[in-house]
N, C-alpha and C. Protein backbone atom coordinates (compact mmCIF):
# COMPACT_ATOMS: atom_id res chain seq x y z
N MET A 1 -109.31 83.40 62.20
CA MET A 1 -110.49 82.22 62.31
C MET A 1 -110.00 81.07 61.26
N TYR A 2 -111.08 80.35 61.62
CA TYR A 2 -110.90 78.73 60.95
C TYR A 2 -112.55 78.19 60.15
N ASN A 3 -112.53 78.23 59.17
CA ASN A 3 -113.89 77.33 59.35
C ASN A 3 -113.29 75.55 59.55
N LEU A 4 -114.50 74.93 60.41
CA LEU A 4 -114.82 73.63 60.72
C LEU A 4 -115.59 72.80 60.62
N PHE A 5 -115.47 72.06 59.56
CA PHE A 5 -116.96 70.86 59.56
C PHE A 5 -116.87 69.73 60.35
N VAL A 6 -118.35 69.75 61.07
CA VAL A 6 -118.24 68.71 62.23
C VAL A 6 -119.42 68.19 61.56
N TYR A 7 -119.51 66.51 62.00
CA TYR A 7 -120.30 65.64 61.61
C TYR A 7 -120.91 64.68 63.04
N GLY A 8 -120.10 64.63 64.04
CA GLY A 8 -120.54 63.46 65.05
C GLY A 8 -120.65 64.17 66.24
N THR A 9 -119.94 64.03 67.41
CA THR A 9 -120.62 64.57 68.36
C THR A 9 -120.44 65.96 68.80
N LEU A 10 -119.88 66.90 67.85
CA LEU A 10 -119.17 68.07 67.90
C LEU A 10 -120.38 69.11 67.65
N ARG A 11 -121.52 68.18 66.62
CA ARG A 11 -122.63 68.58 65.88
C ARG A 11 -123.74 69.40 67.03
N HIS A 12 -124.49 70.22 66.56
CA HIS A 12 -125.69 71.25 67.17
C HIS A 12 -126.25 69.75 68.39
N GLU A 13 -126.73 69.28 68.28
CA GLU A 13 -127.23 68.20 69.63
C GLU A 13 -126.06 67.22 69.98
N GLY A 14 -125.00 67.52 69.43
CA GLY A 14 -124.19 66.15 69.80
C GLY A 14 -123.50 66.60 71.49
N SER A 15 -122.71 65.27 71.63
CA SER A 15 -122.61 65.39 72.86
C SER A 15 -121.06 66.40 73.84
N ASN A 16 -120.47 66.60 72.27
CA ASN A 16 -119.15 67.95 72.36
C ASN A 16 -119.21 68.98 71.85
N HIS A 17 -120.57 68.95 72.07
CA HIS A 17 -120.90 70.34 71.17
C HIS A 17 -120.56 71.83 71.95
N HIS A 18 -120.36 71.63 73.04
CA HIS A 18 -119.88 72.86 74.53
C HIS A 18 -118.30 72.98 73.58
N PHE A 19 -117.72 72.24 72.95
CA PHE A 19 -116.65 72.77 72.65
C PHE A 19 -116.80 73.82 71.28
N LEU A 20 -117.95 74.19 70.81
CA LEU A 20 -117.80 74.85 69.63
C LEU A 20 -118.85 76.07 70.25
N LYS A 21 -119.23 76.62 71.69
CA LYS A 21 -119.79 77.79 72.24
C LYS A 21 -118.71 79.03 71.79
N GLY A 22 -120.04 79.72 71.86
CA GLY A 22 -119.51 80.77 70.96
C GLY A 22 -118.87 81.10 69.20
N ALA A 23 -118.85 79.88 68.94
CA ALA A 23 -118.56 80.12 67.16
C ALA A 23 -119.64 80.10 66.54
N ARG A 24 -119.58 81.00 65.94
CA ARG A 24 -120.44 81.03 64.74
C ARG A 24 -120.90 80.05 63.70
N ARG A 25 -122.28 79.78 63.36
CA ARG A 25 -122.92 78.64 62.65
C ARG A 25 -122.46 79.21 61.43
N LEU A 26 -121.93 78.79 60.28
CA LEU A 26 -122.01 79.27 59.05
C LEU A 26 -123.31 78.52 58.25
N SER A 27 -123.19 77.26 58.28
CA SER A 27 -124.11 76.47 57.79
C SER A 27 -124.73 75.21 58.89
N LYS A 28 -125.81 74.80 58.73
CA LYS A 28 -126.58 73.92 59.66
C LYS A 28 -126.70 72.36 58.72
N SER A 29 -126.61 73.10 57.54
CA SER A 29 -126.51 71.36 56.85
C SER A 29 -125.38 71.59 56.08
N GLY A 30 -124.75 70.57 55.44
CA GLY A 30 -123.99 70.53 54.73
C GLY A 30 -123.12 69.15 54.64
N TYR A 31 -122.33 68.87 53.49
CA TYR A 31 -121.61 67.82 53.29
C TYR A 31 -120.07 67.73 52.75
N VAL A 32 -119.64 66.42 52.98
CA VAL A 32 -118.20 66.40 52.28
C VAL A 32 -118.64 64.83 51.68
N PRO A 33 -117.68 64.41 50.63
CA PRO A 33 -117.85 63.22 50.10
C PRO A 33 -116.65 62.08 51.32
N GLY A 34 -117.54 61.01 51.27
CA GLY A 34 -116.79 60.15 51.93
C GLY A 34 -117.92 58.94 52.54
N GLU A 35 -117.40 58.43 53.56
CA GLU A 35 -118.32 57.00 54.20
C GLU A 35 -117.95 57.60 55.88
N LEU A 36 -119.26 57.60 56.77
CA LEU A 36 -119.44 57.79 58.05
C LEU A 36 -119.32 56.11 58.13
N HIS A 37 -118.38 55.77 59.87
CA HIS A 37 -118.36 54.79 60.15
C HIS A 37 -118.45 55.04 61.72
N ASP A 38 -119.34 54.08 62.43
CA ASP A 38 -119.50 54.07 63.78
C ASP A 38 -118.38 53.16 64.38
N THR A 39 -117.86 53.55 65.24
CA THR A 39 -116.16 53.28 66.14
C THR A 39 -116.72 52.30 66.90
N GLY A 40 -118.27 52.49 67.53
CA GLY A 40 -118.48 51.34 68.53
C GLY A 40 -118.27 52.01 70.05
N LEU A 41 -117.08 53.15 69.66
CA LEU A 41 -117.09 54.20 71.22
C LEU A 41 -118.05 54.83 71.81
N GLY A 42 -119.06 55.57 70.34
CA GLY A 42 -119.54 56.52 70.90
C GLY A 42 -119.76 57.61 70.14
N TYR A 43 -118.86 57.45 69.03
CA TYR A 43 -118.57 58.74 68.13
C TYR A 43 -118.19 57.96 66.83
N PRO A 44 -118.44 58.78 65.70
CA PRO A 44 -117.92 58.51 64.20
C PRO A 44 -116.70 58.65 63.99
N VAL A 45 -116.10 58.01 62.74
CA VAL A 45 -115.14 58.60 62.19
C VAL A 45 -115.43 58.59 60.35
N LEU A 46 -114.51 59.71 59.98
CA LEU A 46 -115.48 59.99 58.40
C LEU A 46 -113.77 59.16 57.72
N LYS A 47 -114.44 58.58 56.64
CA LYS A 47 -113.40 57.55 55.79
C LYS A 47 -113.62 58.48 54.44
N GLU A 48 -112.13 58.63 53.85
CA GLU A 48 -112.40 59.31 52.53
C GLU A 48 -113.02 58.57 51.43
N GLY A 49 -113.72 58.98 50.34
CA GLY A 49 -113.90 58.18 49.49
C GLY A 49 -114.87 59.10 48.75
N ARG A 50 -115.28 59.09 47.49
CA ARG A 50 -116.43 59.21 46.52
C ARG A 50 -117.59 58.87 46.75
N ALA A 51 -117.84 58.06 46.79
CA ALA A 51 -119.24 57.02 47.46
C ALA A 51 -120.34 57.60 47.88
N GLY A 52 -119.95 58.15 48.87
CA GLY A 52 -120.86 58.61 49.87
C GLY A 52 -121.14 60.58 50.26
N LYS A 53 -121.78 60.57 50.84
CA LYS A 53 -121.51 61.95 51.41
C LYS A 53 -122.25 61.60 53.01
N VAL A 54 -121.08 62.54 53.82
CA VAL A 54 -121.23 62.63 54.88
C VAL A 54 -121.63 63.91 55.78
N TRP A 55 -123.06 63.96 56.55
CA TRP A 55 -123.72 65.27 56.77
C TRP A 55 -122.99 65.70 57.99
N GLY A 56 -123.25 67.21 57.96
CA GLY A 56 -122.88 67.77 59.01
C GLY A 56 -123.17 69.25 59.09
N GLU A 57 -122.07 70.42 59.81
CA GLU A 57 -122.46 71.25 60.21
C GLU A 57 -121.27 72.06 60.04
N LEU A 58 -121.47 73.35 58.98
CA LEU A 58 -120.17 74.63 59.51
C LEU A 58 -120.09 75.36 60.45
N TYR A 59 -118.86 75.74 61.16
CA TYR A 59 -118.98 76.78 61.62
C TYR A 59 -117.49 77.67 61.63
N GLN A 60 -117.28 78.83 62.13
CA GLN A 60 -116.06 79.58 62.09
C GLN A 60 -115.74 79.62 63.66
N ILE A 61 -114.29 79.19 63.91
CA ILE A 61 -114.00 79.38 65.32
C ILE A 61 -112.65 79.92 65.13
N ASN A 62 -112.54 80.13 66.45
CA ASN A 62 -110.94 80.69 66.78
C ASN A 62 -109.63 79.96 66.90
N LYS A 63 -108.85 80.62 67.24
CA LYS A 63 -107.35 79.46 67.63
C LYS A 63 -107.39 78.65 68.60
N GLU A 64 -107.99 79.24 69.66
CA GLU A 64 -107.97 78.76 71.13
C GLU A 64 -109.33 77.27 70.95
N GLN A 65 -110.31 77.82 70.00
CA GLN A 65 -111.49 76.59 69.82
C GLN A 65 -110.69 75.54 69.15
N LEU A 66 -109.70 75.98 68.04
CA LEU A 66 -109.48 74.88 67.20
C LEU A 66 -108.52 73.57 68.20
N GLU A 67 -107.43 74.74 68.97
CA GLU A 67 -106.62 73.68 69.65
C GLU A 67 -107.60 73.04 70.58
N ASN A 68 -108.26 73.68 71.50
CA ASN A 68 -109.16 72.78 72.47
C ASN A 68 -109.78 71.54 71.53
N ILE A 69 -110.30 71.31 70.47
CA ILE A 69 -111.12 70.65 69.55
C ILE A 69 -109.86 69.47 68.95
N ASP A 70 -108.82 69.80 68.57
CA ASP A 70 -107.56 69.18 68.55
C ASP A 70 -107.60 67.83 69.38
N ARG A 71 -107.56 68.74 70.49
CA ARG A 71 -107.05 68.02 71.49
C ARG A 71 -107.94 66.79 72.13
N SER A 72 -109.37 67.24 72.00
CA SER A 72 -110.60 66.44 72.29
C SER A 72 -110.59 65.12 70.95
N GLU A 73 -110.05 66.04 70.18
CA GLU A 73 -110.13 64.57 68.85
C GLU A 73 -109.01 63.85 68.79
N GLY A 74 -108.02 63.97 69.51
CA GLY A 74 -106.77 63.33 69.48
C GLY A 74 -105.83 63.24 68.57
N TYR A 75 -105.73 64.40 68.47
CA TYR A 75 -105.04 64.90 66.97
C TYR A 75 -103.97 66.01 67.21
N SER A 76 -102.91 65.55 67.07
CA SER A 76 -101.71 66.26 66.99
C SER A 76 -100.71 66.49 65.76
N PRO A 77 -100.20 67.71 65.51
CA PRO A 77 -99.53 67.44 64.20
C PRO A 77 -98.29 66.66 64.29
N ALA A 78 -97.65 66.56 65.65
CA ALA A 78 -96.36 66.02 65.58
C ALA A 78 -96.58 64.90 65.78
N ASN A 79 -97.83 63.98 65.95
CA ASN A 79 -97.85 62.64 66.10
C ASN A 79 -98.32 62.09 65.11
N TYR A 80 -97.51 60.46 64.45
CA TYR A 80 -97.85 59.93 63.39
C TYR A 80 -99.07 59.10 63.76
N SER A 81 -99.61 58.75 64.86
CA SER A 81 -100.61 57.77 64.84
C SER A 81 -101.69 58.39 65.86
N ASN A 82 -102.74 59.24 65.15
CA ASN A 82 -103.72 59.93 65.43
C ASN A 82 -105.28 59.42 65.74
N GLU A 83 -105.94 58.74 66.47
CA GLU A 83 -107.39 59.07 66.26
C GLU A 83 -107.44 59.46 65.10
N TYR A 84 -107.56 60.85 64.69
CA TYR A 84 -108.20 61.76 63.64
C TYR A 84 -106.73 62.70 63.10
N ILE A 85 -107.38 62.83 61.72
CA ILE A 85 -105.86 63.77 60.73
C ILE A 85 -106.81 65.10 60.64
N ARG A 86 -106.40 66.26 61.22
CA ARG A 86 -107.27 67.35 60.67
C ARG A 86 -106.72 67.64 59.17
N VAL A 87 -107.34 67.78 58.12
CA VAL A 87 -107.47 68.02 56.68
C VAL A 87 -107.88 69.22 56.30
N VAL A 88 -107.77 69.98 55.23
CA VAL A 88 -108.92 71.08 54.78
C VAL A 88 -109.64 70.10 53.49
N ARG A 89 -110.80 70.09 53.52
CA ARG A 89 -111.75 69.45 52.24
C ARG A 89 -112.78 70.92 52.21
N GLU A 90 -113.01 70.44 50.67
CA GLU A 90 -114.48 71.40 50.07
C GLU A 90 -115.89 70.78 51.02
N VAL A 91 -116.38 71.82 51.66
CA VAL A 91 -118.13 71.12 52.18
C VAL A 91 -118.82 72.01 51.31
N ARG A 92 -119.72 71.25 50.70
CA ARG A 92 -120.91 71.58 50.15
C ARG A 92 -122.02 71.94 50.73
N THR A 93 -122.32 73.27 51.19
CA THR A 93 -123.94 73.67 51.99
C THR A 93 -124.80 73.89 51.00
N GLU A 94 -125.82 74.45 51.52
CA GLU A 94 -126.94 74.71 50.38
C GLU A 94 -126.92 75.71 49.43
N ASN A 95 -125.64 76.68 49.55
CA ASN A 95 -125.93 77.62 48.71
C ASN A 95 -124.42 77.94 48.06
N ARG A 96 -123.34 76.98 48.64
CA ARG A 96 -121.87 77.69 48.06
C ARG A 96 -121.18 76.43 48.84
N THR A 97 -119.83 76.16 48.04
CA THR A 97 -119.01 75.57 48.42
C THR A 97 -117.92 76.27 49.06
N ILE A 98 -117.17 75.89 50.41
CA ILE A 98 -116.42 76.73 51.19
C ILE A 98 -115.24 75.30 51.55
N GLU A 99 -113.89 75.56 51.61
CA GLU A 99 -113.14 75.11 52.55
C GLU A 99 -113.27 75.06 53.69
N ALA A 100 -112.98 74.28 54.52
CA ALA A 100 -113.13 73.96 55.83
C ALA A 100 -112.10 72.59 56.38
N PHE A 101 -111.72 72.84 58.10
CA PHE A 101 -110.95 71.97 58.38
C PHE A 101 -112.00 70.67 58.92
N VAL A 102 -111.64 69.53 58.74
CA VAL A 102 -112.44 68.66 58.88
C VAL A 102 -111.47 67.42 59.16
N TYR A 103 -112.02 66.71 60.16
CA TYR A 103 -111.36 65.60 61.35
C TYR A 103 -111.59 64.13 60.51
N ILE A 104 -110.70 63.69 59.81
CA ILE A 104 -110.99 61.87 59.01
C ILE A 104 -110.13 61.29 59.68
N VAL A 105 -110.55 60.10 59.25
CA VAL A 105 -110.12 58.68 60.32
C VAL A 105 -108.61 58.71 60.31
N GLY A 106 -108.04 58.83 61.24
CA GLY A 106 -106.42 58.22 61.44
C GLY A 106 -106.67 56.83 61.54
N ASP A 107 -104.73 56.90 62.26
CA ASP A 107 -104.40 55.14 62.22
C ASP A 107 -105.18 54.32 63.04
N GLN A 108 -105.44 54.88 64.14
CA GLN A 108 -105.98 54.22 65.33
C GLN A 108 -107.66 53.79 65.00
N LEU A 109 -107.86 54.22 64.20
CA LEU A 109 -109.52 54.17 64.02
C LEU A 109 -109.44 53.71 62.53
N ALA A 110 -108.53 53.37 61.72
CA ALA A 110 -108.77 52.80 60.30
C ALA A 110 -109.38 51.69 60.00
N GLY A 111 -109.61 50.75 61.13
CA GLY A 111 -110.17 49.34 61.30
C GLY A 111 -111.45 49.18 61.52
N CYS A 112 -111.85 50.41 61.56
CA CYS A 112 -113.58 51.03 61.57
C CYS A 112 -114.40 50.22 60.33
N VAL A 113 -115.12 49.04 60.28
CA VAL A 113 -115.96 48.76 59.14
C VAL A 113 -117.60 48.83 59.11
N ASN A 114 -118.13 49.57 60.61
CA ASN A 114 -119.29 49.70 60.76
C ASN A 114 -119.58 50.98 60.03
N ARG A 115 -120.05 50.57 58.40
CA ARG A 115 -120.45 52.03 57.82
C ARG A 115 -122.08 52.36 57.91
N ILE A 116 -121.90 53.79 58.63
CA ILE A 116 -123.35 54.30 58.54
C ILE A 116 -123.79 54.90 57.66
N LYS A 117 -124.97 54.22 56.61
CA LYS A 117 -125.41 54.25 55.32
C LYS A 117 -125.66 55.42 55.04
N SER A 118 -126.68 56.26 55.99
CA SER A 118 -127.28 57.87 55.81
C SER A 118 -126.14 58.22 55.51
N GLY A 119 -124.70 58.32 56.16
CA GLY A 119 -123.86 59.47 56.26
C GLY A 119 -124.22 60.55 57.23
N ASP A 120 -125.21 60.42 58.24
CA ASP A 120 -125.69 61.31 59.26
C ASP A 120 -125.47 60.57 60.74
N TRP A 121 -124.67 60.98 61.53
CA TRP A 121 -124.37 60.45 62.75
C TRP A 121 -125.44 60.91 63.62
N LEU A 122 -126.36 62.00 63.84
CA LEU A 122 -127.21 62.43 64.64
C LEU A 122 -128.72 61.25 64.64
N MET A 123 -128.76 61.03 62.99
CA MET A 123 -130.09 60.41 62.34
C MET A 123 -129.55 59.01 63.09
N HIS A 124 -128.48 58.59 62.77
CA HIS A 124 -128.14 56.86 63.44
C HIS A 124 -128.35 56.74 64.60
N ILE A 125 -127.56 57.67 65.56
CA ILE A 125 -128.29 57.46 66.95
C ILE A 125 -129.44 57.44 67.32
N GLN A 126 -130.02 58.27 66.65
CA GLN A 126 -131.80 58.73 67.05
C GLN A 126 -132.12 57.07 66.49
N ASN A 127 -131.78 56.66 65.75
CA ASN A 127 -132.35 55.27 65.19
C ASN A 127 -132.15 54.41 65.94
N LYS A 128 -131.33 54.41 66.76
CA LYS A 128 -130.27 52.85 67.74
C LYS A 128 -131.27 53.16 68.59
N HIS A 129 -132.11 54.09 69.25
CA HIS A 129 -132.98 54.34 70.35
C HIS A 129 -134.06 54.44 69.90
C-alpha cells in the first residue's frame, strides 16, 4: 500500500476522483509546503517551495491505483520530460505528519505562473464560477 497526497482533480469533489475508487482516505484536510498554480488546462500543478501551503487530501492506495494515476498524470519514471514528477514529501494533517507520494510540476508545465494564493484548487474553481 502507498500513501498519496492529492490537491487537484483527484480530490473528493474533483473530476478525476474516480481513480481513487476503493482507496482509504486517511485525512480529508492536509497540506504540503509549496505554491499551487492554475495551468489554464483545467487542472493545477504544485511548485515546491516554503512560501505557501498547498491543501489537499491524503489517501492510501494500492499498486494498481498508483500505476493508473501515474498514467493519468502523465508520469513515467523512465521519461525525463513529464508533466508531473512523483516524489515523497511530508504531509501535515490535523493530527500528524506522514510521508506520502505527491505529484509536483515537471518540465512540461514548469512555465505556469498563475499562482492560486489560497493553495486550494477546489476553492479556486468554485470562486471562478
